[in-house]
């Protein structure tokens, strides 16, 4: 299994919104790794996006982290998302937004 199959990344950008979802199998190891990557990048970038972690939700939703920016802050979100993906060794999103 490749890293991009282990953690499925999807970026969505609109006029006043930017979001990155990181869907995974729900394993505790991946949950901690993703959470740590988001925390590390938040500290380095000095940015505080909205972060939702539904990986421990028992209602049957796919385990995922959602990172969201809105309004003026979303302009700087691309660099934030790229750093998170690089830290997680993800080189391709579902919608193929990341390019070398």
C-alpha atoms as a PDB file:
ATOM      1  CA  UNK A   1       0.000   0.000   0.000  1.00  0.00           C
ATOM      2  CA  UNK A   2       1.407   3.397  -0.977  1.00  0.00           C
ATOM      3  CA  UNK A   3       1.370   6.396   1.323  1.00  0.00           C
ATOM      4  CA  UNK A   4      -1.270   8.071  -0.878  1.00  0.00           C
ATOM      5  CA  UNK A   5      -3.510   5.030  -0.417  1.00  0.00           C
ATOM      6  CA  UNK A   6      -2.886   4.998   3.326  1.00  0.00           C
ATOM      7  CA  UNK A   7      -3.848   8.662   3.745  1.00  0.00           C
ATOM      8  CA  UNK A   8      -6.147  10.019   1.049  1.00  0.00           C
ATOM      9  CA  UNK A   9      -5.712  13.771   0.649  1.00  0.00           C
ATOM     10  CA  UNK A  10      -8.222  16.051  -0.997  1.00  0.00           C
ATOM     11  CA  UNK A  11      -7.881  19.829  -1.394  1.00  0.00           C
ATOM     12  CA  UNK A  12     -10.810  22.125  -2.090  1.00  0.00           C
ATOM     13  CA  UNK A  13     -10.373  25.836  -2.737  1.00  0.00           C
ATOM     14  CA  UNK A  14     -13.071  28.402  -3.404  1.00  0.00           C
ATOM     15  CA  UNK A  15     -13.200  32.191  -3.267  1.00  0.00           C
ATOM     16  CA  UNK A  16     -13.327  32.536   0.532  1.00  0.00           C
ATOM     17  CA  UNK A  17     -12.599  28.969   1.596  1.00  0.00           C
ATOM     18  CA  UNK A  18      -9.758  26.473   1.476  1.00  0.00           C
ATOM     19  CA  UNK A  19      -9.887  22.978   2.911  1.00  0.00           C
ATOM     20  CA  UNK A  20      -7.764  19.854   3.100  1.00  0.00           C
ATOM     21  CA  UNK A  21      -9.218  16.512   4.119  1.00  0.00           C
ATOM     22  CA  UNK A  22      -6.989  13.629   5.145  1.00  0.00           C
ATOM     23  CA  UNK A  23      -8.981  10.385   5.169  1.00  0.00           C
ATOM     24  CA  UNK A  24      -7.428   7.232   6.620  1.00  0.00           C
ATOM     25  CA  UNK A  25      -8.318   3.818   8.037  1.00  0.00           C
ATOM     26  CA  UNK A  26      -8.812   5.066  11.597  1.00  0.00           C
ATOM     27  CA  UNK A  27      -5.690   3.492  13.071  1.00  0.00           C
ATOM     28  CA  UNK A  28      -4.349   5.184  16.179  1.00  0.00           C
ATOM     29  CA  UNK A  29      -0.816   5.401  14.715  1.00  0.00           C
ATOM     30  CA  UNK A  30      -2.015   7.322  11.651  1.00  0.00           C
ATOM     31  CA  UNK A  31      -4.314   9.504  13.760  1.00  0.00           C
ATOM     32  CA  UNK A  32      -1.383  10.540  15.966  1.00  0.00           C
ATOM     33  CA  UNK A  33       0.947  11.039  12.987  1.00  0.00           C
ATOM     34  CA  UNK A  34      -1.551  13.266  11.153  1.00  0.00           C
ATOM     35  CA  UNK A  35      -2.363  15.225  14.299  1.00  0.00           C
ATOM     36  CA  UNK A  36       1.332  15.796  15.015  1.00  0.00           C
ATOM     37  CA  UNK A  37       1.997  16.947  11.445  1.00  0.00           C
ATOM     38  CA  UNK A  38      -0.840  19.482  11.646  1.00  0.00           C
ATOM     39  CA  UNK A  39       0.383  20.732  15.042  1.00  0.00           C
ATOM     40  CA  UNK A  40       3.995  21.052  13.830  1.00  0.00           C
ATOM     41  CA  UNK A  41       3.044  23.003  10.716  1.00  0.00           C
ATOM     42  CA  UNK A  42       0.680  25.227  12.722  1.00  0.00           C
ATOM     43  CA  UNK A  43       3.559  26.200  15.007  1.00  0.00           C
ATOM     44  CA  UNK A  44       6.032  26.813  12.168  1.00  0.00           C
ATOM     45  CA  UNK A  45       3.559  28.745  10.000  1.00  0.00           C
ATOM     46  CA  UNK A  46       2.054  30.552  12.992  1.00  0.00           C
ATOM     47  CA  UNK A  47      -1.406  29.811  11.633  1.00  0.00           C
ATOM     48  CA  UNK A  48      -4.423  28.373  13.392  1.00  0.00           C
ATOM     49  CA  UNK A  49      -6.871  26.779  10.958  1.00  0.00           C
ATOM     50  CA  UNK A  50     -10.118  25.149  11.993  1.00  0.00           C
ATOM     51  CA  UNK A  51      -9.342  21.469  12.548  1.00  0.00           C
ATOM     52  CA  UNK A  52     -11.926  18.736  12.808  1.00  0.00           C
ATOM     53  CA  UNK A  53     -10.954  15.185  13.767  1.00  0.00           C
ATOM     54  CA  UNK A  54     -13.785  12.720  13.318  1.00  0.00           C
ATOM     55  CA  UNK A  55     -11.528   9.652  13.535  1.00  0.00           C
ATOM     56  CA  UNK A  56     -13.015   8.651  16.863  1.00  0.00           C
ATOM     57  CA  UNK A  57     -16.626   9.245  15.814  1.00  0.00           C
ATOM     58  CA  UNK A  58     -18.697   6.113  16.265  1.00  0.00           C
ATOM     59  CA  UNK A  59     -21.424   7.124  13.799  1.00  0.00           C
ATOM     60  CA  UNK A  60     -19.853   5.356  10.844  1.00  0.00           C
ATOM     61  CA  UNK A  61     -18.254   8.298   9.029  1.00  0.00           C
ATOM     62  CA  UNK A  62     -14.899   7.678   7.339  1.00  0.00           C
ATOM     63  CA  UNK A  63     -12.099   8.595   9.752  1.00  0.00           C
ATOM     64  CA  UNK A  64     -10.565  11.893   8.659  1.00  0.00           C
ATOM     65  CA  UNK A  65      -9.003  15.171   9.663  1.00  0.00           C
ATOM     66  CA  UNK A  66     -10.399  18.319   8.061  1.00  0.00           C
ATOM     67  CA  UNK A  67      -8.278  21.473   7.979  1.00  0.00           C
ATOM     68  CA  UNK A  68     -10.132  24.622   6.943  1.00  0.00           C
ATOM     69  CA  UNK A  69      -9.337  28.271   6.343  1.00  0.00           C
ATOM     70  CA  UNK A  70     -11.827  30.989   5.492  1.00  0.00           C
ATOM     71  CA  UNK A  71     -11.909  34.661   4.523  1.00  0.00           C
ATOM     72  CA  UNK A  72      -8.587  36.509   4.126  1.00  0.00           C
ATOM     73  CA  UNK A  73      -6.528  33.812   5.856  1.00  0.00           C
ATOM     74  CA  UNK A  74      -7.262  31.271   3.124  1.00  0.00           C
ATOM     75  CA  UNK A  75      -4.853  33.083   0.756  1.00  0.00           C
ATOM     76  CA  UNK A  76      -1.923  31.641   2.713  1.00  0.00           C
ATOM     77  CA  UNK A  77      -3.440  28.188   3.093  1.00  0.00           C
ATOM     78  CA  UNK A  78      -1.706  26.611   0.086  1.00  0.00           C
ATOM     79  CA  UNK A  79       1.726  26.761   1.724  1.00  0.00           C
ATOM     80  CA  UNK A  80       0.239  25.376   4.940  1.00  0.00           C
ATOM     81  CA  UNK A  81      -1.355  22.441   3.109  1.00  0.00           C
ATOM     82  CA  UNK A  82       1.838  21.700   1.162  1.00  0.00           C
ATOM     83  CA  UNK A  83       3.890  21.563   4.355  1.00  0.00           C
ATOM     84  CA  UNK A  84       1.414  19.205   6.027  1.00  0.00           C
ATOM     85  CA  UNK A  85       1.429  16.913   2.991  1.00  0.00           C
ATOM     86  CA  UNK A  86       5.225  16.929   2.775  1.00  0.00           C
ATOM     87  CA  UNK A  87       5.526  16.115   6.465  1.00  0.00           C
ATOM     88  CA  UNK A  88       3.201  13.154   5.907  1.00  0.00           C
ATOM     89  CA  UNK A  89       5.117  12.108   2.736  1.00  0.00           C
ATOM     90  CA  UNK A  90       2.026  12.517   0.564  1.00  0.00           C
ATOM     91  CA  UNK A  91       2.882  13.526  -2.992  1.00  0.00           C
ATOM     92  CA  UNK A  92      -0.530  13.382  -4.648  1.00  0.00           C
ATOM     93  CA  UNK A  93      -4.058  14.445  -3.794  1.00  0.00           C
ATOM     94  CA  UNK A  94      -7.209  12.804  -5.050  1.00  0.00           C
ATOM     95  CA  UNK A  95      -7.838  15.806  -7.287  1.00  0.00           C
ATOM     96  CA  UNK A  96      -4.113  16.081  -8.223  1.00  0.00           C
ATOM     97  CA  UNK A  97      -3.588  19.636  -6.965  1.00  0.00           C
ATOM     98  CA  UNK A  98       0.001  19.084  -5.801  1.00  0.00           C
ATOM     99  CA  UNK A  99       2.713  19.456  -8.394  1.00  0.00           C
ATOM    100  CA  UNK A 100       6.514  19.271  -8.027  1.00  0.00           C
END
